């Protein structure tokens, strides 16, 4: 699996959510609504989720293993940081 595209949409408000990201996998599959969150330990990603009938939020798309999640997070956060720098210039 190769991430062939990352599109970052920065959020203008001052809350914890900093951006919403879409990724393209192998130029044929897109995952929308990955969130960049500023947490207590720094930036991290939250996968797309929906609220279940019991009130809990459940991911509707997510990596199966931690290695894939770490790689995905690294790519997304790098793209977010690049977008921040470009906006400042």
Protein backbone atom coordinates (compact mmCIF):
# COMPACT_ATOMS: atom_id res chain seq x y z
CA UNK A 1 0.00 0.00 0.00
CA UNK A 2 1.34 3.38 -1.01
CA UNK A 3 -0.06 6.72 0.03
CA UNK A 4 -0.02 8.58 -3.28
CA UNK A 5 -1.71 11.78 -2.14
CA UNK A 6 -2.38 13.79 1.00
CA UNK A 7 -4.74 16.79 0.96
CA UNK A 8 -4.78 19.01 4.06
CA UNK A 9 -7.64 21.40 4.86
CA UNK A 10 -6.63 23.57 7.81
CA UNK A 11 -9.29 24.54 10.35
CA UNK A 12 -9.49 28.26 11.13
CA UNK A 13 -10.80 28.07 14.71
CA UNK A 14 -8.65 27.89 17.83
CA UNK A 15 -9.85 24.48 19.04
CA UNK A 16 -7.92 21.24 19.35
CA UNK A 17 -8.75 20.07 15.80
CA UNK A 18 -6.18 21.68 13.50
CA UNK A 19 -6.98 20.12 10.10
CA UNK A 20 -9.04 17.60 8.20
CA UNK A 21 -7.09 15.40 5.81
CA UNK A 22 -7.90 13.16 2.86
CA UNK A 23 -5.45 10.51 1.70
CA UNK A 24 -5.27 8.66 -1.60
CA UNK A 25 -4.03 5.07 -1.57
CA UNK A 26 -2.37 3.63 -4.68
CA UNK A 27 -4.05 6.34 -6.83
CA UNK A 28 -7.34 4.39 -6.61
CA UNK A 29 -8.85 4.69 -3.11
CA UNK A 30 -9.56 7.76 -0.98
CA UNK A 31 -10.14 8.07 2.78
CA UNK A 32 -11.67 11.40 3.86
CA UNK A 33 -12.10 13.05 7.26
CA UNK A 34 -8.89 12.06 9.02
CA UNK A 35 -8.45 14.68 11.72
CA UNK A 36 -5.23 16.31 12.95
CA UNK A 37 -5.68 16.91 16.68
CA UNK A 38 -3.47 18.91 19.06
CA UNK A 39 -3.47 16.77 22.20
CA UNK A 40 -1.64 16.89 25.52
CA UNK A 41 1.35 15.03 24.04
CA UNK A 42 1.39 16.89 20.73
CA UNK A 43 -0.19 16.37 17.34
CA UNK A 44 -1.82 13.08 16.42
CA UNK A 45 -4.36 11.80 13.89
CA UNK A 46 -7.87 10.54 14.50
CA UNK A 47 -9.37 8.25 11.91
CA UNK A 48 -12.85 8.87 10.45
CA UNK A 49 -15.55 7.77 12.88
CA UNK A 50 -19.27 7.83 13.46
CA UNK A 51 -21.42 7.81 16.56
CA UNK A 52 -22.95 4.43 17.34
CA UNK A 53 -26.39 3.94 18.91
CA UNK A 54 -24.75 3.49 22.33
CA UNK A 55 -23.21 6.98 22.10
CA UNK A 56 -19.65 5.74 21.55
CA UNK A 57 -17.65 6.81 18.49
CA UNK A 58 -16.27 4.01 16.33
CA UNK A 59 -13.67 4.28 13.57
CA UNK A 60 -15.13 3.48 10.17
CA UNK A 61 -11.70 3.13 8.56
CA UNK A 62 -8.41 2.48 10.31
CA UNK A 63 -5.00 0.77 9.98
CA UNK A 64 -4.89 -2.84 11.14
CA UNK A 65 -1.46 -2.68 12.80
CA UNK A 66 0.60 -0.12 14.70
CA UNK A 67 3.38 0.05 12.09
CA UNK A 68 0.93 1.12 9.38
CA UNK A 69 -0.71 3.61 11.76
CA UNK A 70 2.68 5.15 12.65
CA UNK A 71 3.65 5.46 8.97
CA UNK A 72 0.30 7.01 8.11
CA UNK A 73 0.52 9.45 11.01
CA UNK A 74 4.05 10.45 10.03
CA UNK A 75 3.03 11.19 6.43
CA UNK A 76 -0.07 13.14 7.45
CA UNK A 77 1.69 15.21 10.11
CA UNK A 78 4.54 16.03 7.70
CA UNK A 79 1.98 17.24 5.14
CA UNK A 80 0.22 19.28 7.84
CA UNK A 81 3.48 20.92 8.98
CA UNK A 82 4.33 21.73 5.35
CA UNK A 83 0.88 23.35 4.91
CA UNK A 84 1.44 25.44 8.05
CA UNK A 85 4.84 26.65 6.81
CA UNK A 86 3.48 27.47 3.34
CA UNK A 87 0.64 29.48 4.87
CA UNK A 88 3.09 31.52 6.95
CA UNK A 89 5.21 32.43 3.92
